[in-house]
PDB file of N, CA and C in Angstrom:
ATOM      1  N   MET A   1     234.174 107.564  69.355  1.00  0.00           N
ATOM      2  CA  MET A   1     233.136 108.554  69.185  1.00  0.00           C
ATOM      3  C   MET A   1     233.753 109.928  69.394  1.00  0.00           C
ATOM      4  N   ASN A   2     233.539 110.795  68.447  1.00  0.00           N
ATOM      5  CA  ASN A   2     234.104 112.130  68.486  1.00  0.00           C
ATOM      6  C   ASN A   2     232.997 113.153  68.741  1.00  0.00           C
ATOM      7  N   ILE A   3     233.119 113.924  69.810  1.00  0.00           N
ATOM      8  CA  ILE A   3     232.116 114.940  70.139  1.00  0.00           C
ATOM      9  C   ILE A   3     232.725 116.306  69.860  1.00  0.00           C
ATOM     10  N   ASN A   4     232.007 117.102  69.092  1.00  0.00           N
ATOM     11  CA  ASN A   4     232.476 118.424  68.734  1.00  0.00           C
ATOM     12  C   ASN A   4     232.162 119.401  69.873  1.00  0.00           C
ATOM     13  N   ALA A   5     233.174 120.054  70.404  1.00  0.00           N
ATOM     14  CA  ALA A   5     232.978 120.990  71.508  1.00  0.00           C
ATOM     15  C   ALA A   5     232.208 122.225  71.066  1.00  0.00           C
ATOM     16  N   THR A   6     232.279 122.569  69.806  1.00  0.00           N
ATOM     17  CA  THR A   6     231.538 123.721  69.307  1.00  0.00           C
ATOM     18  C   THR A   6     230.039 123.459  69.377  1.00  0.00           C
ATOM     19  N   LEU A   7     229.619 122.264  69.040  1.00  0.00           N
ATOM     20  CA  LEU A   7     228.205 121.912  69.105  1.00  0.00           C
ATOM     21  C   LEU A   7     227.702 121.960  70.540  1.00  0.00           C
ATOM     22  N   ILE A   8     228.485 121.450  71.466  1.00  0.00           N
ATOM     23  CA  ILE A   8     228.098 121.489  72.879  1.00  0.00           C
ATOM     24  C   ILE A   8     228.006 122.933  73.362  1.00  0.00           C
ATOM     25  N   GLY A   9     228.929 123.773  72.952  1.00  0.00           N
ATOM     26  CA  GLY A   9     228.890 125.184  73.325  1.00  0.00           C
ATOM     27  C   GLY A   9     227.670 125.892  72.775  1.00  0.00           C
ATOM     28  N   GLN A  10     227.285 125.587  71.555  1.00  0.00           N
ATOM     29  CA  GLN A  10     226.100 126.204  70.971  1.00  0.00           C
ATOM     30  C   GLN A  10     224.834 125.757  71.688  1.00  0.00           C
ATOM     31  N   ILE A  11     224.759 124.491  72.027  1.00  0.00           N
ATOM     32  CA  ILE A  11     223.585 123.984  72.733  1.00  0.00           C
ATOM     33  C   ILE A  11     223.482 124.628  74.112  1.00  0.00           C
ATOM     34  N   LEU A  12     224.583 124.709  74.828  1.00  0.00           N
ATOM     35  CA  LEU A  12     224.564 125.349  76.145  1.00  0.00           C
ATOM     36  C   LEU A  12     224.233 126.829  76.044  1.00  0.00           C
ATOM     37  N   PHE A  13     224.697 127.491  74.985  1.00  0.00           N
ATOM     38  CA  PHE A  13     224.388 128.904  74.781  1.00  0.00           C
ATOM     39  C   PHE A  13     222.885 129.095  74.624  1.00  0.00           C
ATOM     40  N   PHE A  14     222.253 128.240  73.830  1.00  0.00           N
ATOM     41  CA  PHE A  14     220.810 128.350  73.644  1.00  0.00           C
ATOM     42  C   PHE A  14     220.058 128.035  74.919  1.00  0.00           C
ATOM     43  N   ILE A  15     220.451 126.965  75.607  1.00  0.00           N
ATOM     44  CA  ILE A  15     219.701 126.526  76.780  1.00  0.00           C
ATOM     45  C   ILE A  15     219.910 127.467  77.962  1.00  0.00           C
ATOM     46  N   LEU A  16     221.140 127.846  78.222  1.00  0.00           N
ATOM     47  CA  LEU A  16     221.434 128.613  79.428  1.00  0.00           C
ATOM     48  C   LEU A  16     221.256 130.113  79.276  1.00  0.00           C
ATOM     49  N   LEU A  17     221.314 130.631  78.064  1.00  0.00           N
ATOM     50  CA  LEU A  17     221.258 132.079  77.908  1.00  0.00           C
ATOM     51  C   LEU A  17     220.048 132.548  77.118  1.00  0.00           C
ATOM     52  N   LEU A  18     219.860 132.055  75.912  1.00  0.00           N
ATOM     53  CA  LEU A  18     218.833 132.617  75.041  1.00  0.00           C
ATOM     54  C   LEU A  18     217.410 132.279  75.469  1.00  0.00           C
ATOM     55  N   ILE A  19     217.157 131.052  75.857  1.00  0.00           N
ATOM     56  CA  ILE A  19     215.785 130.675  76.211  1.00  0.00           C
ATOM     57  C   ILE A  19     215.285 131.464  77.423  1.00  0.00           C
ATOM     58  N   PRO A  20     216.009 131.521  78.542  1.00  0.00           N
ATOM     59  CA  PRO A  20     215.518 132.334  79.664  1.00  0.00           C
ATOM     60  C   PRO A  20     215.486 133.829  79.354  1.00  0.00           C
ATOM     61  N   LEU A  21     216.456 134.319  78.598  1.00  0.00           N
ATOM     62  CA  LEU A  21     216.504 135.747  78.285  1.00  0.00           C
ATOM     63  C   LEU A  21     215.302 136.172  77.455  1.00  0.00           C
ATOM     64  N   PHE A  22     215.035 135.479  76.362  1.00  0.00           N
ATOM     65  CA  PHE A  22     213.910 135.861  75.518  1.00  0.00           C
ATOM     66  C   PHE A  22     212.577 135.557  76.189  1.00  0.00           C
ATOM     67  N   GLY A  23     212.510 134.527  76.997  1.00  0.00           N
ATOM     68  CA  GLY A  23     211.294 134.264  77.754  1.00  0.00           C
ATOM     69  C   GLY A  23     210.984 135.394  78.720  1.00  0.00           C
ATOM     70  N   PHE A  24     212.000 135.891  79.413  1.00  0.00           N
ATOM     71  CA  PHE A  24     211.809 136.991  80.359  1.00  0.00           C
ATOM     72  C   PHE A  24     211.444 138.289  79.641  1.00  0.00           C
ATOM     73  N   VAL A  25     212.131 138.591  78.546  1.00  0.00           N
ATOM     74  CA  VAL A  25     211.844 139.823  77.795  1.00  0.00           C
ATOM     75  C   VAL A  25     210.426 139.784  77.233  1.00  0.00           C
ATOM     76  N   CYS A  26     210.032 138.668  76.658  1.00  0.00           N
ATOM     77  CA  CYS A  26     208.677 138.555  76.111  1.00  0.00           C
ATOM     78  C   CYS A  26     207.630 138.614  77.221  1.00  0.00           C
ATOM     79  N   TYR A  27     207.928 138.058  78.381  1.00  0.00           N
ATOM     80  CA  TYR A  27     206.995 138.132  79.507  1.00  0.00           C
ATOM     81  C   TYR A  27     206.807 139.573  79.968  1.00  0.00           C
ATOM     82  N   LYS A  28     207.914 140.311  80.104  1.00  0.00           N
ATOM     83  CA  LYS A  28     207.817 141.695  80.570  1.00  0.00           C
ATOM     84  C   LYS A  28     207.060 142.571  79.572  1.00  0.00           C
ATOM     85  N   VAL A  29     207.333 142.394  78.285  1.00  0.00           N
ATOM     86  CA  VAL A  29     206.613 143.163  77.267  1.00  0.00           C
ATOM     87  C   VAL A  29     205.157 142.704  77.213  1.00  0.00           C
ATOM     88  N   GLY A  30     204.924 141.411  77.362  1.00  0.00           N
ATOM     89  CA  GLY A  30     203.574 140.870  77.314  1.00  0.00           C
ATOM     90  C   GLY A  30     202.695 141.319  78.463  1.00  0.00           C
ATOM     91  N   LYS A  31     203.279 141.691  79.597  1.00  0.00           N
ATOM     92  CA  LYS A  31     202.487 142.183  80.721  1.00  0.00           C
ATOM     93  C   LYS A  31     201.763 143.471  80.367  1.00  0.00           C
ATOM     94  N   LYS A  32     202.374 144.304  79.532  1.00  0.00           N
ATOM     95  CA  LYS A  32     201.753 145.571  79.155  1.00  0.00           C
ATOM     96  C   LYS A  32     200.905 145.458  77.892  1.00  0.00           C
ATOM     97  N   LYS A  33     201.137 144.422  77.101  1.00  0.00           N
ATOM     98  CA  LYS A  33     200.489 144.344  75.798  1.00  0.00           C
ATOM     99  C   LYS A  33     199.368 143.313  75.711  1.00  0.00           C
ATOM    100  N   THR A  34     199.378 142.287  76.560  1.00  0.00           N
ATOM    101  CA  THR A  34     198.390 141.210  76.452  1.00  0.00           C
ATOM    102  C   THR A  34     197.768 140.916  77.808  1.00  0.00           C
ATOM    103  N   GLU A  35     196.728 140.086  77.771  1.00  0.00           N
ATOM    104  CA  GLU A  35     196.071 139.679  79.009  1.00  0.00           C
ATOM    105  C   GLU A  35     196.657 138.401  79.592  1.00  0.00           C
ATOM    106  N   ASN A  36     197.479 137.700  78.830  1.00  0.00           N
ATOM    107  CA  ASN A  36     198.093 136.456  79.320  1.00  0.00           C
ATOM    108  C   ASN A  36     199.601 136.484  79.063  1.00  0.00           C
ATOM    109  N   PRO A  37     200.347 137.174  79.921  1.00  0.00           N
ATOM    110  CA  PRO A  37     201.794 137.305  79.691  1.00  0.00           C
ATOM    111  C   PRO A  37     202.570 136.007  79.871  1.00  0.00           C
ATOM    112  N   LYS A  38     202.045 135.067  80.660  1.00  0.00           N
ATOM    113  CA  LYS A  38     202.764 133.801  80.845  1.00  0.00           C
ATOM    114  C   LYS A  38     202.840 133.021  79.536  1.00  0.00           C
ATOM    115  N   MET A  39     201.745 133.011  78.781  1.00  0.00           N
ATOM    116  CA  MET A  39     201.759 132.307  77.506  1.00  0.00           C
ATOM    117  C   MET A  39     202.677 133.012  76.512  1.00  0.00           C
ATOM    118  N   VAL A  40     202.675 134.336  76.540  1.00  0.00           N
ATOM    119  CA  VAL A  40     203.555 135.098  75.651  1.00  0.00           C
ATOM    120  C   VAL A  40     205.012 134.815  75.997  1.00  0.00           C
ATOM    121  N   GLY A  41     205.336 134.744  77.280  1.00  0.00           N
ATOM    122  CA  GLY A  41     206.695 134.411  77.691  1.00  0.00           C
ATOM    123  C   GLY A  41     207.097 133.013  77.274  1.00  0.00           C
ATOM    124  N   PHE A  42     206.163 132.068  77.382  1.00  0.00           N
ATOM    125  CA  PHE A  42     206.460 130.695  76.967  1.00  0.00           C
ATOM    126  C   PHE A  42     206.685 130.603  75.461  1.00  0.00           C
ATOM    127  N   VAL A  43     205.838 131.283  74.687  1.00  0.00           N
ATOM    128  CA  VAL A  43     206.006 131.264  73.228  1.00  0.00           C
ATOM    129  C   VAL A  43     207.323 131.929  72.846  1.00  0.00           C
ATOM    130  N   GLY A  44     207.667 133.035  73.517  1.00  0.00           N
ATOM    131  CA  GLY A  44     208.944 133.692  73.245  1.00  0.00           C
ATOM    132  C   GLY A  44     210.128 132.801  73.575  1.00  0.00           C
ATOM    133  N   ALA A  45     210.023 132.067  74.679  1.00  0.00           N
ATOM    134  CA  ALA A  45     211.104 131.143  75.045  1.00  0.00           C
ATOM    135  C   ALA A  45     211.195 129.987  74.054  1.00  0.00           C
ATOM    136  N   ALA A  46     210.047 129.484  73.614  1.00  0.00           N
ATOM    137  CA  ALA A  46     210.059 128.379  72.649  1.00  0.00           C
ATOM    138  C   ALA A  46     210.606 128.831  71.302  1.00  0.00           C
ATOM    139  N   LEU A  47     210.270 130.048  70.895  1.00  0.00           N
ATOM    140  CA  LEU A  47     210.749 130.543  69.605  1.00  0.00           C
ATOM    141  C   LEU A  47     212.213 130.964  69.646  1.00  0.00           C
ATOM    142  N   SER A  48     212.819 130.995  70.814  1.00  0.00           N
ATOM    143  CA  SER A  48     214.240 131.346  70.865  1.00  0.00           C
ATOM    144  C   SER A  48     215.111 130.253  70.252  1.00  0.00           C
ATOM    145  N   LEU A  49     214.544 129.081  70.028  1.00  0.00           N
ATOM    146  CA  LEU A  49     215.281 128.035  69.322  1.00  0.00           C
ATOM    147  C   LEU A  49     215.409 128.350  67.834  1.00  0.00           C
ATOM    148  N   PHE A  50     214.547 129.227  67.338  1.00  0.00           N
ATOM    149  CA  PHE A  50     214.568 129.664  65.937  1.00  0.00           C
ATOM    150  C   PHE A  50     214.698 131.187  65.929  1.00  0.00           C
ATOM    151  N   PRO A  51     215.924 131.727  66.023  1.00  0.00           N
ATOM    152  CA  PRO A  51     216.121 133.161  66.232  1.00  0.00           C
ATOM    153  C   PRO A  51     215.386 134.094  65.265  1.00  0.00           C
ATOM    154  N   PRO A  52     215.289 133.825  63.972  1.00  0.00           N
ATOM    155  CA  PRO A  52     214.536 134.774  63.133  1.00  0.00           C
ATOM    156  C   PRO A  52     213.065 134.870  63.533  1.00  0.00           C
ATOM    157  N   LEU A  53     212.458 133.728  63.872  1.00  0.00           N
ATOM    158  CA  LEU A  53     211.058 133.752  64.291  1.00  0.00           C
ATOM    159  C   LEU A  53     210.886 134.467  65.621  1.00  0.00           C
ATOM    160  N   ASN A  54     211.849 134.314  66.513  1.00  0.00           N
ATOM    161  CA  ASN A  54     211.756 134.973  67.806  1.00  0.00           C
ATOM    162  C   ASN A  54     211.841 136.487  67.663  1.00  0.00           C
ATOM    163  N   PHE A  55     212.723 136.963  66.802  1.00  0.00           N
ATOM    164  CA  PHE A  55     212.832 138.407  66.615  1.00  0.00           C
ATOM    165  C   PHE A  55     211.578 138.971  65.956  1.00  0.00           C
ATOM    166  N   ILE A  56     210.982 138.224  65.038  1.00  0.00           N
ATOM    167  CA  ILE A  56     209.732 138.668  64.416  1.00  0.00           C
ATOM    168  C   ILE A  56     208.618 138.709  65.460  1.00  0.00           C
ATOM    169  N   PHE A  57     208.531 137.680  66.301  1.00  0.00           N
ATOM    170  CA  PHE A  57     207.520 137.635  67.361  1.00  0.00           C
ATOM    171  C   PHE A  57     207.688 138.800  68.326  1.00  0.00           C
ATOM    172  N   LEU A  58     208.914 139.082  68.716  1.00  0.00           N
ATOM    173  CA  LEU A  58     209.173 140.179  69.641  1.00  0.00           C
ATOM    174  C   LEU A  58     208.856 141.524  68.997  1.00  0.00           C
ATOM    175  N   ALA A  59     209.153 141.687  67.709  1.00  0.00           N
ATOM    176  CA  ALA A  59     208.846 142.940  67.016  1.00  0.00           C
ATOM    177  C   ALA A  59     207.340 143.157  66.924  1.00  0.00           C
ATOM    178  N   VAL A  60     206.599 142.104  66.613  1.00  0.00           N
ATOM    179  CA  VAL A  60     205.139 142.224  66.547  1.00  0.00           C
ATOM    180  C   VAL A  60     204.582 142.545  67.927  1.00  0.00           C
ATOM    181  N   LEU A  61     205.135 141.944  68.949  1.00  0.00           N
ATOM    182  CA  LEU A  61     204.675 142.196  70.314  1.00  0.00           C
ATOM    183  C   LEU A  61     204.959 143.633  70.740  1.00  0.00           C
ATOM    184  N   VAL A  62     206.112 144.149  70.390  1.00  0.00           N
ATOM    185  CA  VAL A  62     206.456 145.526  70.755  1.00  0.00           C
ATOM    186  C   VAL A  62     205.573 146.524  70.005  1.00  0.00           C
ATOM    187  N   LEU A  63     205.250 146.230  68.752  1.00  0.00           N
ATOM    188  CA  LEU A  63     204.446 147.147  67.950  1.00  0.00           C
ATOM    189  C   LEU A  63     202.955 147.079  68.270  1.00  0.00           C
ATOM    190  N   LYS A  64     202.531 146.078  69.018  1.00  0.00           N
ATOM    191  CA  LYS A  64     201.132 145.959  69.403  1.00  0.00           C
ATOM    192  C   LYS A  64     200.780 147.077  70.380  1.00  0.00           C
ATOM    193  N   SER A  65     199.533 147.555  70.312  1.00  0.00           N
ATOM    194  CA  SER A  65     199.136 148.648  71.200  1.00  0.00           C
ATOM    195  C   SER A  65     198.981 148.138  72.635  1.00  0.00           C
ATOM    196  N   ASP A  66     199.211 149.036  73.587  1.00  0.00           N
ATOM    197  CA  ASP A  66     199.120 148.686  75.003  1.00  0.00           C
ATOM    198  C   ASP A  66     197.669 148.423  75.398  1.00  0.00           C
ATOM    199  N   LEU A  67     197.503 147.672  76.482  1.00  0.00           N
ATOM    200  CA  LEU A  67     196.172 147.455  77.029  1.00  0.00           C
ATOM    201  C   LEU A  67     195.674 148.749  77.656  1.00  0.00           C
ATOM    202  N   PRO A  68     194.368 148.995  77.598  1.00  0.00           N
ATOM    203  CA  PRO A  68     193.852 150.196  78.269  1.00  0.00           C
ATOM    204  C   PRO A  68     193.975 150.052  79.784  1.00  0.00           C
ATOM    205  N   ILE A  69     194.225 151.157  80.442  1.00  0.00           N
ATOM    206  CA  ILE A  69     194.363 151.159  81.899  1.00  0.00           C
ATOM    207  C   ILE A  69     192.969 151.205  82.508  1.00  0.00           C
ATOM    208  N   ALA A  70     192.652 150.229  83.338  1.00  0.00           N
ATOM    209  CA  ALA A  70     191.346 150.171  83.991  1.00  0.00           C
ATOM    210  C   ALA A  70     191.390 151.033  85.247  1.00  0.00           C
ATOM    211  N   LEU A  71     190.521 152.030  85.298  1.00  0.00           N
ATOM    212  CA  LEU A  71     190.448 152.901  86.468  1.00  0.00           C
ATOM    213  C   LEU A  71     189.506 152.285  87.491  1.00  0.00           C
ATOM    214  N   SER A  72     189.948 152.219  88.733  1.00  0.00           N
ATOM    215  CA  SER A  72     189.100 151.657  89.785  1.00  0.00           C
ATOM    216  C   SER A  72     188.134 152.724  90.282  1.00  0.00           C
ATOM    217  N   GLU A  73     186.976 152.293  90.761  1.00  0.00           N
ATOM    218  CA  GLU A  73     185.951 153.229  91.213  1.00  0.00           C
ATOM    219  C   GLU A  73     186.077 153.564  92.687  1.00  0.00           C
ATOM    220  N   SER A  74     187.090 153.099  93.370  1.00  0.00           N
ATOM    221  CA  SER A  74     187.223 153.362  94.805  1.00  0.00           C
ATOM    222  C   SER A  74     188.008 154.605  95.078  1.00  0.00           C
TER     223      SER A  74
END
């Protein structure tokens, strides 16, 4: 059985670097843009397996308008 080291390196690159990185970036952007940043972070992490879709998702998220700031009455 022959295992290609390049394939193992690519899999580790996706698992150890891209999934947490894009999940964290989408979560941080989602905190200002949406009411449920955890779901946005999860979707961003899941879409990191398909890089073109992840970049499109992140671009749409960045271009979305910010949530209004709720002023407290105290």
